[in-house]
C-alpha atoms as a PDB file:
ATOM      1  CA  UNK A   1       0.000   0.000   0.000  1.00  0.00           C
ATOM      2  CA  UNK A   2       2.824   2.391   0.841  1.00  0.00           C
ATOM      3  CA  UNK A   3       4.437   1.635  -2.525  1.00  0.00           C
ATOM      4  CA  UNK A   4       1.291   2.712  -4.360  1.00  0.00           C
ATOM      5  CA  UNK A   5       1.133   5.943  -2.387  1.00  0.00           C
ATOM      6  CA  UNK A   6       4.801   6.717  -3.102  1.00  0.00           C
ATOM      7  CA  UNK A   7       4.359   5.977  -6.812  1.00  0.00           C
ATOM      8  CA  UNK A   8       1.189   8.101  -6.887  1.00  0.00           C
ATOM      9  CA  UNK A   9       3.025  10.999  -5.265  1.00  0.00           C
ATOM     10  CA  UNK A  10       5.838  10.584  -7.761  1.00  0.00           C
ATOM     11  CA  UNK A  11       3.337  10.787 -10.641  1.00  0.00           C
ATOM     12  CA  UNK A  12       1.740  13.880  -9.116  1.00  0.00           C
ATOM     13  CA  UNK A  13       5.099  15.598  -8.533  1.00  0.00           C
ATOM     14  CA  UNK A  14       6.271  14.871 -12.082  1.00  0.00           C
ATOM     15  CA  UNK A  15       2.975  16.177 -13.476  1.00  0.00           C
ATOM     16  CA  UNK A  16       3.252  19.373 -11.460  1.00  0.00           C
ATOM     17  CA  UNK A  17       6.879  19.866 -12.496  1.00  0.00           C
ATOM     18  CA  UNK A  18       6.072  19.176 -16.146  1.00  0.00           C
ATOM     19  CA  UNK A  19       3.138  21.562 -16.246  1.00  0.00           C
ATOM     20  CA  UNK A  20       4.725  24.421 -14.267  1.00  0.00           C
ATOM     21  CA  UNK A  21       8.503  24.521 -13.890  1.00  0.00           C
ATOM     22  CA  UNK A  22       9.442  22.905 -17.175  1.00  0.00           C
ATOM     23  CA  UNK A  23       6.857  24.940 -19.089  1.00  0.00           C
ATOM     24  CA  UNK A  24       8.675  28.012 -17.805  1.00  0.00           C
ATOM     25  CA  UNK A  25      11.992  26.462 -18.910  1.00  0.00           C
ATOM     26  CA  UNK A  26      10.710  25.511 -22.360  1.00  0.00           C
ATOM     27  CA  UNK A  27      12.747  26.236 -25.464  1.00  0.00           C
ATOM     28  CA  UNK A  28      10.611  27.458 -28.335  1.00  0.00           C
ATOM     29  CA  UNK A  29       7.492  26.067 -26.710  1.00  0.00           C
ATOM     30  CA  UNK A  30       9.072  22.612 -26.305  1.00  0.00           C
ATOM     31  CA  UNK A  31       9.175  21.094 -22.821  1.00  0.00           C
ATOM     32  CA  UNK A  32      10.382  17.665 -21.722  1.00  0.00           C
ATOM     33  CA  UNK A  33       7.830  14.956 -21.084  1.00  0.00           C
ATOM     34  CA  UNK A  34       8.533  13.826 -17.517  1.00  0.00           C
ATOM     35  CA  UNK A  35       5.483  11.602 -17.446  1.00  0.00           C
ATOM     36  CA  UNK A  36       6.828   9.554 -20.362  1.00  0.00           C
ATOM     37  CA  UNK A  37      10.102   9.156 -18.470  1.00  0.00           C
ATOM     38  CA  UNK A  38       8.251   8.072 -15.341  1.00  0.00           C
ATOM     39  CA  UNK A  39       5.860   5.726 -17.147  1.00  0.00           C
ATOM     40  CA  UNK A  40       8.602   4.063 -19.162  1.00  0.00           C
ATOM     41  CA  UNK A  41      10.909   3.774 -16.148  1.00  0.00           C
ATOM     42  CA  UNK A  42       8.338   2.174 -13.866  1.00  0.00           C
ATOM     43  CA  UNK A  43       7.315  -0.059 -16.752  1.00  0.00           C
ATOM     44  CA  UNK A  44      10.714  -1.619 -17.330  1.00  0.00           C
ATOM     45  CA  UNK A  45      11.684  -1.526 -13.653  1.00  0.00           C
ATOM     46  CA  UNK A  46       8.522  -2.978 -12.108  1.00  0.00           C
ATOM     47  CA  UNK A  47       6.738  -4.746 -14.969  1.00  0.00           C
ATOM     48  CA  UNK A  48       3.744  -4.487 -17.269  1.00  0.00           C
ATOM     49  CA  UNK A  49       1.077  -3.987 -14.620  1.00  0.00           C
ATOM     50  CA  UNK A  50       2.884  -1.173 -12.822  1.00  0.00           C
ATOM     51  CA  UNK A  51       3.784   0.495 -16.129  1.00  0.00           C
ATOM     52  CA  UNK A  52       0.180   0.263 -17.268  1.00  0.00           C
ATOM     53  CA  UNK A  53      -1.163   1.767 -14.037  1.00  0.00           C
ATOM     54  CA  UNK A  54       1.426   4.549 -13.859  1.00  0.00           C
ATOM     55  CA  UNK A  55       0.730   5.305 -17.519  1.00  0.00           C
ATOM     56  CA  UNK A  56      -3.008   5.392 -17.001  1.00  0.00           C
ATOM     57  CA  UNK A  57      -2.871   7.790 -14.069  1.00  0.00           C
ATOM     58  CA  UNK A  58      -0.234   9.970 -15.742  1.00  0.00           C
ATOM     59  CA  UNK A  59      -2.316  10.205 -18.892  1.00  0.00           C
ATOM     60  CA  UNK A  60      -5.487  10.785 -16.914  1.00  0.00           C
ATOM     61  CA  UNK A  61      -3.911  13.805 -15.234  1.00  0.00           C
ATOM     62  CA  UNK A  62      -2.935  15.194 -18.639  1.00  0.00           C
ATOM     63  CA  UNK A  63      -6.453  14.510 -19.945  1.00  0.00           C
ATOM     64  CA  UNK A  64      -8.158  16.179 -17.008  1.00  0.00           C
ATOM     65  CA  UNK A  65      -6.083  19.342 -17.129  1.00  0.00           C
ATOM     66  CA  UNK A  66      -5.074  19.753 -20.776  1.00  0.00           C
ATOM     67  CA  UNK A  67      -6.890  17.210 -22.927  1.00  0.00           C
ATOM     68  CA  UNK A  68      -9.783  17.810 -25.253  1.00  0.00           C
ATOM     69  CA  UNK A  69     -10.980  14.200 -25.151  1.00  0.00           C
ATOM     70  CA  UNK A  70     -11.114  12.252 -21.889  1.00  0.00           C
ATOM     71  CA  UNK A  71      -8.811   9.214 -21.742  1.00  0.00           C
ATOM     72  CA  UNK A  72      -6.985   9.973 -25.013  1.00  0.00           C
ATOM     73  CA  UNK A  73      -3.634  10.524 -23.323  1.00  0.00           C
ATOM     74  CA  UNK A  74      -4.423   7.925 -20.669  1.00  0.00           C
ATOM     75  CA  UNK A  75      -4.684   5.291 -23.380  1.00  0.00           C
ATOM     76  CA  UNK A  76      -1.424   6.347 -25.032  1.00  0.00           C
ATOM     77  CA  UNK A  77       0.480   6.390 -21.739  1.00  0.00           C
ATOM     78  CA  UNK A  78      -1.032   3.016 -20.770  1.00  0.00           C
ATOM     79  CA  UNK A  79       0.262   1.395 -23.946  1.00  0.00           C
ATOM     80  CA  UNK A  80       3.683   2.965 -23.421  1.00  0.00           C
ATOM     81  CA  UNK A  81       3.860   1.721 -19.828  1.00  0.00           C
ATOM     82  CA  UNK A  82       2.705  -1.760 -20.780  1.00  0.00           C
ATOM     83  CA  UNK A  83       5.109  -1.930 -23.720  1.00  0.00           C
ATOM     84  CA  UNK A  84       8.039  -0.928 -21.541  1.00  0.00           C
ATOM     85  CA  UNK A  85       6.990  -3.526 -18.981  1.00  0.00           C
ATOM     86  CA  UNK A  86       7.856  -6.213 -21.512  1.00  0.00           C
ATOM     87  CA  UNK A  87      11.524  -5.303 -21.121  1.00  0.00           C
ATOM     88  CA  UNK A  88      11.642  -6.020 -17.393  1.00  0.00           C
ATOM     89  CA  UNK A  89      13.485  -9.304 -17.901  1.00  0.00           C
ATOM     90  CA  UNK A  90      16.420  -7.644 -19.647  1.00  0.00           C
ATOM     91  CA  UNK A  91      16.588  -4.587 -17.367  1.00  0.00           C
ATOM     92  CA  UNK A  92      19.696  -4.226 -15.211  1.00  0.00           C
ATOM     93  CA  UNK A  93      20.119  -1.371 -12.744  1.00  0.00           C
ATOM     94  CA  UNK A  94      23.751  -0.830 -13.721  1.00  0.00           C
ATOM     95  CA  UNK A  95      23.016  -0.419 -17.445  1.00  0.00           C
ATOM     96  CA  UNK A  96      21.823   3.011 -18.558  1.00  0.00           C
ATOM     97  CA  UNK A  97      21.707   2.229 -22.280  1.00  0.00           C
ATOM     98  CA  UNK A  98      18.452   0.268 -22.247  1.00  0.00           C
ATOM     99  CA  UNK A  99      16.507   2.893 -20.235  1.00  0.00           C
ATOM    100  CA  UNK A 100      17.749   5.707 -22.481  1.00  0.00           C
ATOM    101  CA  UNK A 101      16.793   3.802 -25.639  1.00  0.00           C
ATOM    102  CA  UNK A 102      13.381   2.815 -24.266  1.00  0.00           C
ATOM    103  CA  UNK A 103      12.590   6.341 -23.095  1.00  0.00           C
ATOM    104  CA  UNK A 104      13.672   7.750 -26.462  1.00  0.00           C
ATOM    105  CA  UNK A 105      11.516   5.251 -28.378  1.00  0.00           C
ATOM    106  CA  UNK A 106       8.592   5.850 -26.006  1.00  0.00           C
ATOM    107  CA  UNK A 107       8.747   9.606 -26.485  1.00  0.00           C
ATOM    108  CA  UNK A 108       9.053   9.175 -30.256  1.00  0.00           C
ATOM    109  CA  UNK A 109       6.022   6.863 -30.359  1.00  0.00           C
ATOM    110  CA  UNK A 110       4.067   9.263 -28.152  1.00  0.00           C
ATOM    111  CA  UNK A 111       4.826  12.171 -30.487  1.00  0.00           C
ATOM    112  CA  UNK A 112       3.984  10.122 -33.586  1.00  0.00           C
ATOM    113  CA  UNK A 113       0.645   8.938 -32.202  1.00  0.00           C
ATOM    114  CA  UNK A 114      -0.230  12.485 -31.177  1.00  0.00           C
ATOM    115  CA  UNK A 115       0.680  13.732 -34.654  1.00  0.00           C
ATOM    116  CA  UNK A 116      -1.310  11.017 -36.394  1.00  0.00           C
ATOM    117  CA  UNK A 117      -4.433  11.361 -34.270  1.00  0.00           C
ATOM    118  CA  UNK A 118      -4.442  15.075 -33.493  1.00  0.00           C
ATOM    119  CA  UNK A 119      -3.004  16.662 -36.649  1.00  0.00           C
ATOM    120  CA  UNK A 120      -3.010  14.282 -39.604  1.00  0.00           C
ATOM    121  CA  UNK A 121      -6.684  13.379 -39.210  1.00  0.00           C
ATOM    122  CA  UNK A 122      -7.448  17.115 -39.318  1.00  0.00           C
ATOM    123  CA  UNK A 123      -5.652  17.272 -42.695  1.00  0.00           C
ATOM    124  CA  UNK A 124      -2.585  19.072 -41.406  1.00  0.00           C
ATOM    125  CA  UNK A 125       0.125  17.483 -43.540  1.00  0.00           C
ATOM    126  CA  UNK A 126       3.154  19.378 -42.247  1.00  0.00           C
ATOM    127  CA  UNK A 127       5.013  16.311 -41.026  1.00  0.00           C
ATOM    128  CA  UNK A 128       8.564  17.476 -41.911  1.00  0.00           C
ATOM    129  CA  UNK A 129       7.991  20.715 -40.019  1.00  0.00           C
ATOM    130  CA  UNK A 130       6.416  18.885 -37.065  1.00  0.00           C
ATOM    131  CA  UNK A 131       9.201  16.317 -37.024  1.00  0.00           C
ATOM    132  CA  UNK A 132      12.061  18.826 -37.108  1.00  0.00           C
ATOM    133  CA  UNK A 133      10.577  21.530 -34.906  1.00  0.00           C
ATOM    134  CA  UNK A 134       8.615  19.531 -32.336  1.00  0.00           C
ATOM    135  CA  UNK A 135       9.415  15.816 -32.217  1.00  0.00           C
ATOM    136  CA  UNK A 136      13.232  15.961 -32.354  1.00  0.00           C
ATOM    137  CA  UNK A 137      13.618  18.867 -29.877  1.00  0.00           C
ATOM    138  CA  UNK A 138      11.185  17.249 -27.424  1.00  0.00           C
ATOM    139  CA  UNK A 139      13.034  13.949 -27.584  1.00  0.00           C
ATOM    140  CA  UNK A 140      16.407  15.643 -27.056  1.00  0.00           C
ATOM    141  CA  UNK A 141      15.110  17.757 -24.167  1.00  0.00           C
ATOM    142  CA  UNK A 142      13.434  14.726 -22.585  1.00  0.00           C
ATOM    143  CA  UNK A 143      16.660  12.709 -22.806  1.00  0.00           C
ATOM    144  CA  UNK A 144      18.670  15.533 -21.235  1.00  0.00           C
ATOM    145  CA  UNK A 145      16.204  15.727 -18.337  1.00  0.00           C
ATOM    146  CA  UNK A 146      16.191  11.924 -18.110  1.00  0.00           C
ATOM    147  CA  UNK A 147      19.900  11.952 -17.351  1.00  0.00           C
ATOM    148  CA  UNK A 148      19.123  13.918 -14.179  1.00  0.00           C
ATOM    149  CA  UNK A 149      15.750  12.342 -13.314  1.00  0.00           C
ATOM    150  CA  UNK A 150      16.519   8.676 -13.969  1.00  0.00           C
ATOM    151  CA  UNK A 151      18.923   8.190 -11.010  1.00  0.00           C
ATOM    152  CA  UNK A 152      16.209   9.547  -8.693  1.00  0.00           C
ATOM    153  CA  UNK A 153      13.621   7.148 -10.142  1.00  0.00           C
ATOM    154  CA  UNK A 154      16.128   4.290  -9.838  1.00  0.00           C
ATOM    155  CA  UNK A 155      16.796   5.202  -6.192  1.00  0.00           C
ATOM    156  CA  UNK A 156      13.081   5.381  -5.343  1.00  0.00           C
ATOM    157  CA  UNK A 157      12.451   2.057  -7.081  1.00  0.00           C
ATOM    158  CA  UNK A 158      15.350   0.475  -5.178  1.00  0.00           C
ATOM    159  CA  UNK A 159      13.898   1.681  -1.906  1.00  0.00           C
ATOM    160  CA  UNK A 160      10.447   0.389  -2.825  1.00  0.00           C
ATOM    161  CA  UNK A 161      11.835  -3.008  -3.837  1.00  0.00           C
ATOM    162  CA  UNK A 162      13.882  -3.125  -0.636  1.00  0.00           C
ATOM    163  CA  UNK A 163      10.710  -2.640   1.399  1.00  0.00           C
ATOM    164  CA  UNK A 164       8.982  -5.360  -0.638  1.00  0.00           C
ATOM    165  CA  UNK A 165      11.800  -7.819  -0.008  1.00  0.00           C
ATOM    166  CA  UNK A 166      11.931  -7.049   3.721  1.00  0.00           C
ATOM    167  CA  UNK A 167       8.179  -7.529   4.115  1.00  0.00           C
ATOM    168  CA  UNK A 168       8.331 -10.821   2.192  1.00  0.00           C
ATOM    169  CA  UNK A 169      11.127 -12.091   4.460  1.00  0.00           C
ATOM    170  CA  UNK A 170       9.252 -11.115   7.609  1.00  0.00           C
ATOM    171  CA  UNK A 171       6.087 -12.791   6.320  1.00  0.00           C
ATOM    172  CA  UNK A 172       7.814 -16.131   5.644  1.00  0.00           C
END
């Protein structure tokens, strides 16, 4: 129960930071997507179910405050969290390459789905412009922020797993 509360607070803090502090630090209207970092990280660190739930609640917050359609972003974040959860078996805490690649791919897929469903279906065919001026800068900015945020997520996950292991040992 405490793990769920800590993860929920982490989602809330990342949402608040993403929608306030990092909007003020945006470059050309581009801000990093902390919720993608958090969803992907908890997905490959804790598995499909945790990634799915973190993604759903992250996306739901975005939907409630900024979305035009309820559960649009929640669905995208859920798929990203679940997809990253499939990589739990090959995740090692010491290796930073896999998390960086997965977060990059997750952010790219997020941007592509948003482009396809929000712009292309409205007959806005400016993909080269969107790709160069929005997708690439957001991915780069997200990766730069990930370098600072990922060790904190890894530390929190280690503490949560440590509590899980201690409670399992005391139960048996």
